[in-house]
N, C-alpha and C. Protein backbone atom coordinates (compact mmCIF):
# COMPACT_ATOMS: atom_id res chain seq x y z
N MET A 1 -27.55 13.22 -2.15
CA MET A 1 -27.57 12.92 -3.58
C MET A 1 -26.16 12.60 -4.04
N SER A 2 -25.98 11.43 -4.68
CA SER A 2 -24.65 11.02 -5.09
C SER A 2 -24.19 11.79 -6.33
N VAL A 3 -22.89 11.99 -6.41
CA VAL A 3 -22.32 12.70 -7.55
C VAL A 3 -22.11 11.70 -8.68
N PRO A 4 -22.59 12.01 -9.90
CA PRO A 4 -22.42 11.07 -11.00
C PRO A 4 -20.94 10.87 -11.34
N VAL A 5 -20.60 9.63 -11.71
CA VAL A 5 -19.22 9.32 -12.07
C VAL A 5 -18.92 9.89 -13.44
N ARG A 6 -17.79 10.57 -13.57
CA ARG A 6 -17.40 11.17 -14.84
C ARG A 6 -16.22 10.39 -15.42
N TYR A 7 -16.41 9.95 -16.66
CA TYR A 7 -15.38 9.21 -17.36
C TYR A 7 -14.73 10.11 -18.41
N PRO A 8 -13.46 9.87 -18.72
CA PRO A 8 -12.80 10.71 -19.72
C PRO A 8 -13.34 10.45 -21.12
N VAL A 9 -13.45 11.50 -21.89
CA VAL A 9 -13.80 11.37 -23.30
C VAL A 9 -12.48 11.44 -24.05
N LEU A 10 -11.91 10.27 -24.33
CA LEU A 10 -10.59 10.21 -24.94
C LEU A 10 -10.60 9.28 -26.12
N ASN A 11 -9.75 9.58 -27.08
CA ASN A 11 -9.50 8.65 -28.17
C ASN A 11 -8.55 7.58 -27.65
N ASP A 12 -9.01 6.33 -27.62
CA ASP A 12 -8.19 5.28 -27.04
C ASP A 12 -6.89 5.06 -27.79
N ASP A 13 -6.80 5.58 -29.01
CA ASP A 13 -5.57 5.42 -29.79
C ASP A 13 -4.60 6.57 -29.55
N GLU A 14 -5.00 7.56 -28.79
CA GLU A 14 -4.18 8.75 -28.58
C GLU A 14 -3.40 8.63 -27.28
N PRO A 15 -2.06 8.50 -27.36
CA PRO A 15 -1.29 8.35 -26.12
C PRO A 15 -1.25 9.64 -25.31
N VAL A 16 -1.16 9.48 -23.99
CA VAL A 16 -1.00 10.62 -23.08
C VAL A 16 0.47 10.63 -22.65
N ARG A 17 1.16 11.71 -22.93
CA ARG A 17 2.61 11.76 -22.71
C ARG A 17 3.00 12.53 -21.46
N GLN A 18 2.06 13.23 -20.83
CA GLN A 18 2.37 13.96 -19.61
C GLN A 18 1.26 13.73 -18.59
N LEU A 19 1.68 13.48 -17.35
CA LEU A 19 0.71 13.20 -16.29
C LEU A 19 -0.26 14.37 -16.10
N ASN A 20 0.22 15.59 -16.28
CA ASN A 20 -0.66 16.74 -16.05
C ASN A 20 -1.72 16.92 -17.13
N GLU A 21 -1.70 16.09 -18.16
CA GLU A 21 -2.77 16.10 -19.16
C GLU A 21 -4.03 15.39 -18.64
N LEU A 22 -3.89 14.64 -17.55
CA LEU A 22 -5.03 13.89 -17.01
C LEU A 22 -5.79 14.74 -16.00
N ASP A 23 -7.08 14.49 -15.92
CA ASP A 23 -7.95 15.21 -14.99
C ASP A 23 -8.21 14.30 -13.79
N ALA A 24 -7.69 14.67 -12.64
CA ALA A 24 -7.79 13.83 -11.44
C ALA A 24 -9.23 13.63 -10.98
N SER A 25 -10.15 14.46 -11.47
CA SER A 25 -11.55 14.33 -11.05
C SER A 25 -12.28 13.24 -11.84
N LEU A 26 -11.65 12.74 -12.90
CA LEU A 26 -12.31 11.74 -13.74
C LEU A 26 -12.00 10.32 -13.26
N THR A 27 -12.78 9.38 -13.75
CA THR A 27 -12.60 7.96 -13.43
C THR A 27 -12.03 7.26 -14.65
N TYR A 28 -10.84 6.68 -14.50
CA TYR A 28 -10.13 6.08 -15.61
C TYR A 28 -10.16 4.55 -15.52
N SER A 29 -10.05 3.91 -16.67
CA SER A 29 -10.03 2.45 -16.73
C SER A 29 -8.64 1.95 -17.14
N TYR A 30 -8.48 0.64 -17.12
CA TYR A 30 -7.23 0.05 -17.57
C TYR A 30 -6.98 0.34 -19.05
N ALA A 31 -8.05 0.46 -19.83
CA ALA A 31 -7.90 0.81 -21.25
C ALA A 31 -7.22 2.17 -21.39
N ASN A 32 -7.61 3.14 -20.55
CA ASN A 32 -6.94 4.45 -20.55
C ASN A 32 -5.48 4.30 -20.10
N TYR A 33 -5.30 3.56 -19.04
CA TYR A 33 -3.99 3.36 -18.42
C TYR A 33 -2.95 2.85 -19.43
N LEU A 34 -3.39 1.99 -20.33
CA LEU A 34 -2.47 1.40 -21.31
C LEU A 34 -1.90 2.44 -22.26
N ASN A 35 -2.55 3.59 -22.38
CA ASN A 35 -2.09 4.64 -23.30
C ASN A 35 -1.30 5.74 -22.60
N TRP A 36 -0.97 5.53 -21.35
CA TRP A 36 -0.22 6.56 -20.63
C TRP A 36 1.27 6.29 -20.79
N LEU A 37 1.96 7.20 -21.46
CA LEU A 37 3.37 7.01 -21.80
C LEU A 37 4.30 7.93 -21.01
N PHE A 38 3.76 8.61 -20.00
CA PHE A 38 4.61 9.49 -19.20
C PHE A 38 5.49 8.66 -18.27
N PRO A 39 6.61 9.24 -17.81
CA PRO A 39 7.56 8.45 -17.00
C PRO A 39 7.09 8.15 -15.58
N GLU A 40 6.20 8.95 -15.03
CA GLU A 40 5.76 8.73 -13.65
C GLU A 40 5.00 7.39 -13.53
N ARG A 41 5.21 6.72 -12.42
CA ARG A 41 4.48 5.48 -12.16
C ARG A 41 3.21 5.82 -11.39
N VAL A 42 2.09 5.28 -11.84
CA VAL A 42 0.82 5.52 -11.17
C VAL A 42 0.09 4.20 -10.99
N GLU A 43 -0.85 4.20 -10.05
CA GLU A 43 -1.77 3.08 -9.86
C GLU A 43 -3.18 3.63 -9.97
N LEU A 44 -4.12 2.73 -10.26
CA LEU A 44 -5.53 3.09 -10.31
C LEU A 44 -6.26 2.36 -9.19
N ILE A 45 -7.02 3.11 -8.40
CA ILE A 45 -7.87 2.50 -7.38
C ILE A 45 -9.28 3.02 -7.59
N LYS A 46 -10.14 2.09 -8.04
CA LYS A 46 -11.52 2.44 -8.38
C LYS A 46 -11.57 3.62 -9.37
N GLY A 47 -10.65 3.59 -10.32
CA GLY A 47 -10.65 4.58 -11.39
C GLY A 47 -9.94 5.87 -11.07
N LYS A 48 -9.47 6.03 -9.83
CA LYS A 48 -8.80 7.26 -9.44
C LYS A 48 -7.27 7.06 -9.48
N ILE A 49 -6.57 8.10 -9.89
CA ILE A 49 -5.13 8.03 -10.08
C ILE A 49 -4.40 8.25 -8.75
N PHE A 50 -3.47 7.34 -8.44
CA PHE A 50 -2.60 7.50 -7.29
C PHE A 50 -1.17 7.48 -7.81
N LYS A 51 -0.49 8.60 -7.66
CA LYS A 51 0.89 8.69 -8.13
C LYS A 51 1.79 7.96 -7.15
N MET A 52 2.62 7.08 -7.69
CA MET A 52 3.54 6.33 -6.85
C MET A 52 4.78 7.16 -6.56
N SER A 53 5.52 6.76 -5.55
CA SER A 53 6.76 7.46 -5.23
C SER A 53 7.73 7.32 -6.40
N PRO A 54 8.71 8.24 -6.50
CA PRO A 54 9.75 8.05 -7.52
C PRO A 54 10.47 6.72 -7.28
N ALA A 55 11.56 6.48 -8.00
CA ALA A 55 12.28 5.21 -7.87
C ALA A 55 12.46 4.86 -6.40
N PRO A 56 12.14 3.61 -6.02
CA PRO A 56 12.26 3.22 -4.61
C PRO A 56 13.68 3.44 -4.09
N SER A 57 13.80 3.68 -2.79
CA SER A 57 15.10 3.94 -2.17
C SER A 57 15.96 2.68 -2.19
N ARG A 58 17.23 2.87 -1.95
CA ARG A 58 18.16 1.74 -1.89
C ARG A 58 17.75 0.75 -0.79
N VAL A 59 17.34 1.28 0.37
CA VAL A 59 16.92 0.40 1.48
C VAL A 59 15.67 -0.39 1.09
N HIS A 60 14.72 0.30 0.46
CA HIS A 60 13.49 -0.36 -0.02
C HIS A 60 13.86 -1.52 -0.95
N GLN A 61 14.75 -1.27 -1.89
CA GLN A 61 15.13 -2.31 -2.84
C GLN A 61 15.89 -3.44 -2.15
N GLY A 62 16.70 -3.10 -1.16
CA GLY A 62 17.41 -4.13 -0.42
C GLY A 62 16.46 -5.07 0.31
N ILE A 63 15.45 -4.49 0.95
CA ILE A 63 14.43 -5.30 1.63
C ILE A 63 13.69 -6.18 0.63
N SER A 64 13.34 -5.60 -0.51
CA SER A 64 12.62 -6.35 -1.53
C SER A 64 13.41 -7.56 -1.99
N ILE A 65 14.71 -7.38 -2.23
CA ILE A 65 15.56 -8.49 -2.67
C ILE A 65 15.69 -9.54 -1.58
N ASN A 66 15.84 -9.09 -0.33
CA ASN A 66 15.97 -10.02 0.79
C ASN A 66 14.70 -10.83 1.03
N LEU A 67 13.56 -10.29 0.64
CA LEU A 67 12.30 -11.04 0.71
C LEU A 67 12.12 -11.93 -0.51
N LEU A 68 12.47 -11.38 -1.65
CA LEU A 68 12.22 -12.07 -2.91
C LEU A 68 13.05 -13.35 -3.06
N ASN A 69 14.32 -13.26 -2.73
CA ASN A 69 15.20 -14.41 -2.97
C ASN A 69 14.75 -15.67 -2.24
N PRO A 70 14.43 -15.61 -0.93
CA PRO A 70 13.99 -16.85 -0.27
C PRO A 70 12.64 -17.37 -0.79
N ILE A 71 11.77 -16.45 -1.22
CA ILE A 71 10.49 -16.91 -1.79
C ILE A 71 10.75 -17.62 -3.12
N ILE A 72 11.61 -17.04 -3.95
CA ILE A 72 11.95 -17.67 -5.23
C ILE A 72 12.52 -19.07 -4.99
N ASN A 73 13.47 -19.16 -4.06
CA ASN A 73 14.10 -20.46 -3.78
C ASN A 73 13.08 -21.47 -3.27
N PHE A 74 12.15 -21.01 -2.41
CA PHE A 74 11.14 -21.92 -1.85
C PHE A 74 10.20 -22.43 -2.94
N LEU A 75 9.90 -21.57 -3.91
CA LEU A 75 8.90 -21.94 -4.92
C LEU A 75 9.46 -22.75 -6.09
N LYS A 76 10.76 -23.00 -6.10
CA LYS A 76 11.32 -23.81 -7.19
C LYS A 76 10.65 -25.18 -7.23
N GLY A 77 10.15 -25.54 -8.40
CA GLY A 77 9.47 -26.82 -8.56
C GLY A 77 8.04 -26.84 -8.09
N LYS A 78 7.53 -25.68 -7.60
CA LYS A 78 6.15 -25.59 -7.13
C LYS A 78 5.32 -24.78 -8.15
N PRO A 79 4.00 -24.93 -8.13
CA PRO A 79 3.17 -24.27 -9.15
C PRO A 79 3.04 -22.77 -9.00
N CYS A 80 3.26 -22.22 -7.81
CA CYS A 80 3.08 -20.79 -7.60
C CYS A 80 4.23 -20.00 -8.23
N LYS A 81 3.93 -18.78 -8.68
CA LYS A 81 4.91 -17.89 -9.28
C LYS A 81 5.01 -16.61 -8.46
N VAL A 82 6.21 -16.05 -8.39
CA VAL A 82 6.41 -14.80 -7.65
C VAL A 82 6.90 -13.73 -8.61
N TYR A 83 6.39 -12.51 -8.42
CA TYR A 83 6.76 -11.37 -9.27
C TYR A 83 7.00 -10.15 -8.39
N ALA A 84 7.90 -9.29 -8.88
CA ALA A 84 8.22 -8.05 -8.16
C ALA A 84 7.86 -6.86 -9.04
N ALA A 85 7.56 -5.73 -8.39
CA ALA A 85 7.22 -4.50 -9.11
C ALA A 85 8.41 -4.05 -9.97
N PRO A 86 8.12 -3.40 -11.11
CA PRO A 86 6.79 -3.06 -11.62
C PRO A 86 6.12 -4.25 -12.30
N PHE A 87 4.93 -4.58 -11.84
CA PHE A 87 4.16 -5.71 -12.34
C PHE A 87 2.69 -5.38 -12.11
N ASP A 88 1.93 -5.24 -13.18
CA ASP A 88 0.53 -4.81 -13.06
C ASP A 88 -0.37 -5.95 -12.60
N VAL A 89 -1.14 -5.68 -11.55
CA VAL A 89 -2.19 -6.59 -11.11
C VAL A 89 -3.52 -5.89 -11.28
N ARG A 90 -4.38 -6.45 -12.13
CA ARG A 90 -5.69 -5.87 -12.40
C ARG A 90 -6.74 -6.57 -11.55
N PHE A 91 -7.66 -5.79 -11.02
CA PHE A 91 -8.71 -6.32 -10.15
C PHE A 91 -10.06 -6.09 -10.81
N PRO A 92 -10.55 -7.06 -11.62
CA PRO A 92 -11.83 -6.87 -12.30
C PRO A 92 -13.01 -7.15 -11.39
N LYS A 93 -14.07 -6.41 -11.59
CA LYS A 93 -15.31 -6.64 -10.84
C LYS A 93 -16.11 -7.78 -11.47
N GLU A 94 -16.61 -7.55 -12.67
CA GLU A 94 -17.38 -8.58 -13.37
C GLU A 94 -16.71 -8.90 -14.70
N SER A 95 -16.65 -7.90 -15.57
CA SER A 95 -16.01 -8.09 -16.86
C SER A 95 -14.50 -7.89 -16.74
N LYS A 96 -13.75 -8.71 -17.46
CA LYS A 96 -12.29 -8.58 -17.49
C LYS A 96 -11.82 -7.70 -18.64
N ALA A 97 -12.77 -7.12 -19.39
CA ALA A 97 -12.41 -6.25 -20.50
C ALA A 97 -11.64 -5.04 -19.99
N ASP A 98 -10.65 -4.59 -20.75
CA ASP A 98 -9.80 -3.48 -20.31
C ASP A 98 -10.62 -2.26 -19.90
N LYS A 99 -11.68 -1.97 -20.65
CA LYS A 99 -12.49 -0.78 -20.40
C LYS A 99 -13.32 -0.91 -19.13
N ASP A 100 -13.45 -2.12 -18.60
CA ASP A 100 -14.29 -2.35 -17.42
C ASP A 100 -13.48 -2.59 -16.14
N VAL A 101 -12.16 -2.50 -16.25
CA VAL A 101 -11.29 -2.70 -15.08
C VAL A 101 -10.82 -1.33 -14.60
N PHE A 102 -11.08 -1.02 -13.33
CA PHE A 102 -10.80 0.32 -12.81
C PHE A 102 -9.78 0.34 -11.67
N THR A 103 -9.27 -0.84 -11.30
CA THR A 103 -8.24 -0.90 -10.26
C THR A 103 -7.05 -1.69 -10.78
N VAL A 104 -5.89 -1.01 -10.80
CA VAL A 104 -4.63 -1.62 -11.25
C VAL A 104 -3.55 -1.23 -10.25
N LEU A 105 -3.00 -2.21 -9.55
CA LEU A 105 -1.96 -1.94 -8.55
C LEU A 105 -0.65 -2.61 -8.94
N GLN A 106 0.42 -2.13 -8.35
CA GLN A 106 1.74 -2.72 -8.56
C GLN A 106 2.34 -3.08 -7.20
N PRO A 107 1.94 -4.22 -6.65
CA PRO A 107 2.51 -4.63 -5.35
C PRO A 107 4.02 -4.78 -5.45
N ASP A 108 4.71 -4.54 -4.35
CA ASP A 108 6.15 -4.72 -4.35
C ASP A 108 6.52 -6.16 -4.70
N ILE A 109 5.80 -7.10 -4.10
CA ILE A 109 5.99 -8.52 -4.39
C ILE A 109 4.61 -9.18 -4.37
N CYS A 110 4.37 -10.12 -5.27
CA CYS A 110 3.12 -10.88 -5.19
C CYS A 110 3.37 -12.31 -5.64
N VAL A 111 2.60 -13.22 -5.05
CA VAL A 111 2.67 -14.65 -5.38
C VAL A 111 1.32 -15.06 -5.95
N ILE A 112 1.36 -15.69 -7.12
CA ILE A 112 0.13 -16.14 -7.80
C ILE A 112 0.22 -17.65 -7.99
N CYS A 113 -0.75 -18.37 -7.47
CA CYS A 113 -0.75 -19.83 -7.57
C CYS A 113 -1.70 -20.34 -8.64
N ASP A 114 -2.62 -19.51 -9.12
CA ASP A 114 -3.55 -19.88 -10.19
C ASP A 114 -3.01 -19.29 -11.50
N LYS A 115 -2.37 -20.13 -12.30
CA LYS A 115 -1.71 -19.65 -13.50
C LYS A 115 -2.68 -19.09 -14.55
N SER A 116 -3.97 -19.41 -14.41
CA SER A 116 -4.95 -18.87 -15.36
C SER A 116 -5.12 -17.37 -15.18
N LYS A 117 -4.65 -16.83 -14.05
CA LYS A 117 -4.73 -15.38 -13.82
C LYS A 117 -3.59 -14.62 -14.50
N LEU A 118 -2.60 -15.33 -15.02
CA LEU A 118 -1.43 -14.69 -15.61
C LEU A 118 -1.59 -14.54 -17.12
N ASP A 119 -1.21 -13.38 -17.62
CA ASP A 119 -1.17 -13.17 -19.07
C ASP A 119 0.05 -12.33 -19.40
N ALA A 120 0.17 -11.93 -20.65
CA ALA A 120 1.36 -11.21 -21.10
C ALA A 120 1.52 -9.86 -20.40
N ARG A 121 0.42 -9.32 -19.87
CA ARG A 121 0.47 -7.98 -19.27
C ARG A 121 0.55 -8.01 -17.76
N GLY A 122 0.56 -9.19 -17.17
CA GLY A 122 0.66 -9.27 -15.72
C GLY A 122 -0.32 -10.27 -15.15
N CYS A 123 -1.07 -9.83 -14.14
CA CYS A 123 -2.03 -10.70 -13.45
C CYS A 123 -3.40 -10.04 -13.49
N ILE A 124 -4.43 -10.85 -13.74
CA ILE A 124 -5.80 -10.34 -13.67
C ILE A 124 -6.56 -11.17 -12.65
N GLY A 125 -6.84 -10.54 -11.52
CA GLY A 125 -7.44 -11.23 -10.40
C GLY A 125 -6.51 -11.15 -9.20
N ALA A 126 -7.00 -11.53 -8.05
CA ALA A 126 -6.23 -11.37 -6.81
C ALA A 126 -5.08 -12.35 -6.72
N PRO A 127 -3.86 -11.87 -6.41
CA PRO A 127 -2.78 -12.79 -6.06
C PRO A 127 -3.13 -13.52 -4.76
N ASP A 128 -2.42 -14.60 -4.51
CA ASP A 128 -2.62 -15.31 -3.25
C ASP A 128 -1.93 -14.59 -2.10
N LEU A 129 -0.78 -13.98 -2.39
CA LEU A 129 -0.02 -13.28 -1.36
C LEU A 129 0.50 -11.97 -1.95
N VAL A 130 0.39 -10.91 -1.18
CA VAL A 130 0.89 -9.60 -1.59
C VAL A 130 1.79 -9.06 -0.49
N VAL A 131 2.92 -8.48 -0.90
CA VAL A 131 3.85 -7.83 0.04
C VAL A 131 3.98 -6.37 -0.37
N GLU A 132 3.74 -5.47 0.58
CA GLU A 132 3.97 -4.04 0.36
C GLU A 132 5.01 -3.57 1.37
N ILE A 133 6.05 -2.92 0.85
CA ILE A 133 7.11 -2.37 1.69
C ILE A 133 6.86 -0.88 1.87
N LEU A 134 6.59 -0.47 3.08
CA LEU A 134 6.24 0.92 3.33
C LEU A 134 7.43 1.84 3.10
N SER A 135 7.16 2.95 2.42
CA SER A 135 8.17 3.98 2.19
C SER A 135 7.71 5.25 2.88
N PRO A 136 8.63 6.18 3.14
CA PRO A 136 8.22 7.45 3.76
C PRO A 136 7.15 8.18 2.96
N GLY A 137 7.10 7.95 1.65
CA GLY A 137 6.12 8.65 0.82
C GLY A 137 4.73 8.04 0.84
N ASN A 138 4.58 6.83 1.43
CA ASN A 138 3.25 6.21 1.49
C ASN A 138 2.32 7.04 2.37
N THR A 139 1.12 7.34 1.87
CA THR A 139 0.14 8.07 2.66
C THR A 139 -0.82 7.09 3.31
N LYS A 140 -1.41 7.52 4.43
CA LYS A 140 -2.39 6.66 5.11
C LYS A 140 -3.58 6.37 4.22
N THR A 141 -3.97 7.36 3.40
CA THR A 141 -5.11 7.17 2.49
C THR A 141 -4.80 6.08 1.48
N GLU A 142 -3.60 6.14 0.89
CA GLU A 142 -3.18 5.14 -0.08
C GLU A 142 -3.19 3.75 0.55
N LEU A 143 -2.61 3.64 1.76
CA LEU A 143 -2.53 2.34 2.42
C LEU A 143 -3.92 1.80 2.75
N LEU A 144 -4.81 2.66 3.17
CA LEU A 144 -6.17 2.22 3.49
C LEU A 144 -6.88 1.73 2.24
N HIS A 145 -6.73 2.46 1.13
CA HIS A 145 -7.36 2.04 -0.12
C HIS A 145 -6.83 0.68 -0.57
N LYS A 146 -5.53 0.49 -0.47
CA LYS A 146 -4.95 -0.79 -0.90
C LYS A 146 -5.42 -1.92 0.00
N TYR A 147 -5.44 -1.68 1.29
CA TYR A 147 -5.94 -2.69 2.24
C TYR A 147 -7.35 -3.13 1.84
N ARG A 148 -8.19 -2.15 1.53
CA ARG A 148 -9.58 -2.46 1.18
C ARG A 148 -9.68 -3.24 -0.13
N VAL A 149 -8.83 -2.88 -1.10
CA VAL A 149 -8.82 -3.60 -2.38
C VAL A 149 -8.40 -5.05 -2.15
N TYR A 150 -7.31 -5.24 -1.43
CA TYR A 150 -6.81 -6.60 -1.23
C TYR A 150 -7.81 -7.45 -0.45
N GLU A 151 -8.47 -6.86 0.50
CA GLU A 151 -9.49 -7.60 1.26
C GLU A 151 -10.71 -7.89 0.39
N GLU A 152 -11.21 -6.87 -0.30
CA GLU A 152 -12.42 -7.03 -1.11
C GLU A 152 -12.26 -8.09 -2.19
N PHE A 153 -11.09 -8.14 -2.82
CA PHE A 153 -10.91 -9.05 -3.93
C PHE A 153 -10.35 -10.41 -3.52
N GLY A 154 -10.09 -10.60 -2.24
CA GLY A 154 -9.76 -11.93 -1.75
C GLY A 154 -8.30 -12.33 -1.78
N VAL A 155 -7.39 -11.36 -1.59
CA VAL A 155 -5.98 -11.71 -1.40
C VAL A 155 -5.89 -12.49 -0.08
N LYS A 156 -5.34 -13.69 -0.14
CA LYS A 156 -5.37 -14.57 1.03
C LYS A 156 -4.45 -14.10 2.14
N GLU A 157 -3.33 -13.48 1.75
CA GLU A 157 -2.36 -13.04 2.76
C GLU A 157 -1.70 -11.75 2.29
N TYR A 158 -1.59 -10.78 3.20
CA TYR A 158 -1.07 -9.46 2.87
C TYR A 158 -0.02 -9.09 3.91
N TRP A 159 1.23 -8.94 3.46
CA TRP A 159 2.31 -8.58 4.37
C TRP A 159 2.59 -7.09 4.24
N VAL A 160 2.65 -6.40 5.37
CA VAL A 160 3.03 -4.99 5.40
C VAL A 160 4.38 -4.89 6.10
N VAL A 161 5.38 -4.49 5.34
CA VAL A 161 6.75 -4.45 5.83
C VAL A 161 7.13 -3.00 6.13
N SER A 162 7.56 -2.75 7.35
CA SER A 162 7.94 -1.40 7.78
C SER A 162 9.45 -1.26 7.81
N GLN A 163 9.97 -0.33 6.99
CA GLN A 163 11.40 -0.07 7.00
C GLN A 163 11.83 0.51 8.35
N GLY A 164 11.09 1.53 8.79
CA GLY A 164 11.49 2.26 9.99
C GLY A 164 11.52 1.39 11.23
N ASP A 165 10.50 0.54 11.40
CA ASP A 165 10.40 -0.31 12.59
C ASP A 165 11.10 -1.64 12.42
N GLN A 166 11.52 -1.94 11.19
CA GLN A 166 12.09 -3.25 10.87
C GLN A 166 11.16 -4.36 11.37
N SER A 167 9.92 -4.28 10.89
CA SER A 167 8.90 -5.22 11.35
C SER A 167 8.02 -5.64 10.17
N ILE A 168 7.27 -6.72 10.39
CA ILE A 168 6.30 -7.20 9.40
C ILE A 168 4.99 -7.52 10.12
N LEU A 169 3.90 -7.03 9.55
CA LEU A 169 2.55 -7.35 10.03
C LEU A 169 1.86 -8.14 8.93
N ILE A 170 1.28 -9.26 9.28
CA ILE A 170 0.64 -10.14 8.29
C ILE A 170 -0.87 -10.14 8.50
N TYR A 171 -1.60 -9.81 7.44
CA TYR A 171 -3.06 -9.92 7.45
C TYR A 171 -3.44 -11.20 6.72
N THR A 172 -4.28 -12.02 7.34
CA THR A 172 -4.73 -13.27 6.75
C THR A 172 -6.24 -13.22 6.57
N LEU A 173 -6.71 -13.58 5.38
CA LEU A 173 -8.14 -13.55 5.08
C LEU A 173 -8.85 -14.69 5.81
N ASP A 174 -9.88 -14.36 6.58
CA ASP A 174 -10.60 -15.41 7.29
C ASP A 174 -11.75 -15.96 6.44
N GLU A 175 -12.52 -16.87 7.02
CA GLU A 175 -13.58 -17.54 6.26
C GLU A 175 -14.72 -16.60 5.90
N THR A 176 -14.79 -15.44 6.54
CA THR A 176 -15.84 -14.47 6.21
C THR A 176 -15.37 -13.44 5.18
N GLY A 177 -14.11 -13.58 4.73
CA GLY A 177 -13.59 -12.64 3.74
C GLY A 177 -13.03 -11.36 4.35
N LYS A 178 -12.70 -11.39 5.63
CA LYS A 178 -12.14 -10.22 6.31
C LYS A 178 -10.69 -10.51 6.73
N PHE A 179 -9.85 -9.47 6.68
CA PHE A 179 -8.47 -9.61 7.11
C PHE A 179 -8.38 -9.66 8.63
N GLN A 180 -7.57 -10.59 9.10
CA GLN A 180 -7.26 -10.67 10.53
C GLN A 180 -5.75 -10.43 10.69
N PRO A 181 -5.36 -9.45 11.51
CA PRO A 181 -3.93 -9.13 11.65
C PRO A 181 -3.21 -10.09 12.59
N SER A 182 -1.96 -10.33 12.28
CA SER A 182 -1.09 -11.09 13.18
C SER A 182 -0.54 -10.14 14.24
N LYS A 183 0.24 -10.65 15.12
CA LYS A 183 1.05 -9.77 15.96
C LYS A 183 2.11 -9.13 15.05
N ILE A 184 2.76 -8.11 15.53
CA ILE A 184 3.82 -7.47 14.75
C ILE A 184 5.11 -8.25 14.99
N PHE A 185 5.68 -8.78 13.90
CA PHE A 185 6.92 -9.54 13.99
C PHE A 185 8.10 -8.59 13.88
N THR A 186 9.09 -8.76 14.75
CA THR A 186 10.25 -7.88 14.78
C THR A 186 11.55 -8.71 14.70
N LEU A 187 12.69 -8.01 14.74
CA LEU A 187 13.98 -8.68 14.64
C LEU A 187 14.11 -9.80 15.66
N SER A 188 14.80 -10.86 15.25
CA SER A 188 15.05 -12.09 16.02
C SER A 188 13.89 -13.08 15.92
N GLU A 189 12.78 -12.65 15.28
CA GLU A 189 11.64 -13.55 15.12
C GLU A 189 11.59 -14.11 13.71
N LYS A 190 10.79 -15.16 13.55
CA LYS A 190 10.58 -15.78 12.24
C LYS A 190 9.10 -15.72 11.88
N ILE A 191 8.82 -15.62 10.57
CA ILE A 191 7.44 -15.65 10.13
C ILE A 191 7.22 -16.88 9.25
N THR A 192 5.97 -17.33 9.23
CA THR A 192 5.54 -18.40 8.34
C THR A 192 4.37 -17.89 7.52
N SER A 193 3.89 -18.70 6.58
CA SER A 193 2.83 -18.27 5.69
C SER A 193 1.80 -19.37 5.51
N THR A 194 0.52 -19.02 5.61
CA THR A 194 -0.55 -20.00 5.35
C THR A 194 -0.64 -20.29 3.85
N VAL A 195 -0.22 -19.33 3.02
CA VAL A 195 -0.27 -19.51 1.56
C VAL A 195 0.87 -20.41 1.09
N LEU A 196 2.00 -20.34 1.81
CA LEU A 196 3.19 -21.12 1.44
C LEU A 196 3.55 -22.06 2.59
N PRO A 197 2.82 -23.15 2.75
CA PRO A 197 3.08 -24.06 3.87
C PRO A 197 4.52 -24.57 3.82
N GLY A 198 5.19 -24.49 4.97
CA GLY A 198 6.57 -24.94 5.06
C GLY A 198 7.59 -23.82 4.89
N PHE A 199 7.13 -22.66 4.44
CA PHE A 199 8.04 -21.52 4.27
C PHE A 199 8.28 -20.86 5.62
N GLU A 200 9.54 -20.51 5.86
CA GLU A 200 9.91 -19.84 7.10
C GLU A 200 10.95 -18.77 6.78
N LEU A 201 10.80 -17.60 7.38
CA LEU A 201 11.69 -16.48 7.07
C LEU A 201 12.08 -15.77 8.36
N ALA A 202 13.39 -15.63 8.56
CA ALA A 202 13.90 -14.89 9.73
C ALA A 202 13.96 -13.41 9.40
N LEU A 203 13.38 -12.58 10.27
CA LEU A 203 13.38 -11.15 9.99
C LEU A 203 14.78 -10.54 10.00
N ASP A 204 15.69 -11.13 10.75
CA ASP A 204 17.06 -10.63 10.73
C ASP A 204 17.64 -10.69 9.32
N ASP A 205 17.23 -11.72 8.55
CA ASP A 205 17.72 -11.86 7.17
C ASP A 205 17.09 -10.82 6.24
N VAL A 206 15.87 -10.40 6.56
CA VAL A 206 15.17 -9.42 5.72
C VAL A 206 15.84 -8.05 5.83
N PHE A 207 16.28 -7.71 7.03
CA PHE A 207 16.76 -6.34 7.27
C PHE A 207 18.29 -6.26 7.41
N GLU A 208 19.01 -7.31 7.06
CA GLU A 208 20.46 -7.30 7.22
C GLU A 208 21.15 -6.55 6.09
N ASP A 209 22.30 -5.97 6.38
CA ASP A 209 23.18 -5.34 5.39
C ASP A 209 22.48 -4.26 4.58
N LEU A 210 21.63 -3.45 5.23
CA LEU A 210 20.91 -2.40 4.50
C LEU A 210 21.61 -1.04 4.67
């Protein structure tokens, strides 16, 4: 017998100023999320709260910049846009109404080629490319949930960047809607992207001077 989903009974106009005021057993929507004014960064996956790590480490930020800059330069004059966290990406099922959206993630880097998905609050719908830089605080559960979200909603390409191994694994969505992993790319190798034809990135440049 399935357990019924419990939603918070909250006044949508009443801000929540402390994370501990929230009940982790409840299912929250983007409408609730908009009223959370506490300093901690959180994501929503199917209505459940996932607390993000504190401010990313210096190495994490260095990797992010080393990835971001070449993508920005490559996309100059092209229709696709690139954004870095904190940047809300909402994943609607059917309705795009705030109260009906239960998954909100903040990818480290994302590329969106369909400008109709962009609004003043971020992106609504799957980016074409998502980059997540693994931190020591990332849990296997969190990573599995994100993988499933990105696959389910049709992210075309998903890069998983490992600080510790100085490597990148690329998942590419196949014609059946399933992710297919690349080999693991390591130092001295270059990666390309099916989403960004003509783009090439040397991993030595990603992990240099950290």
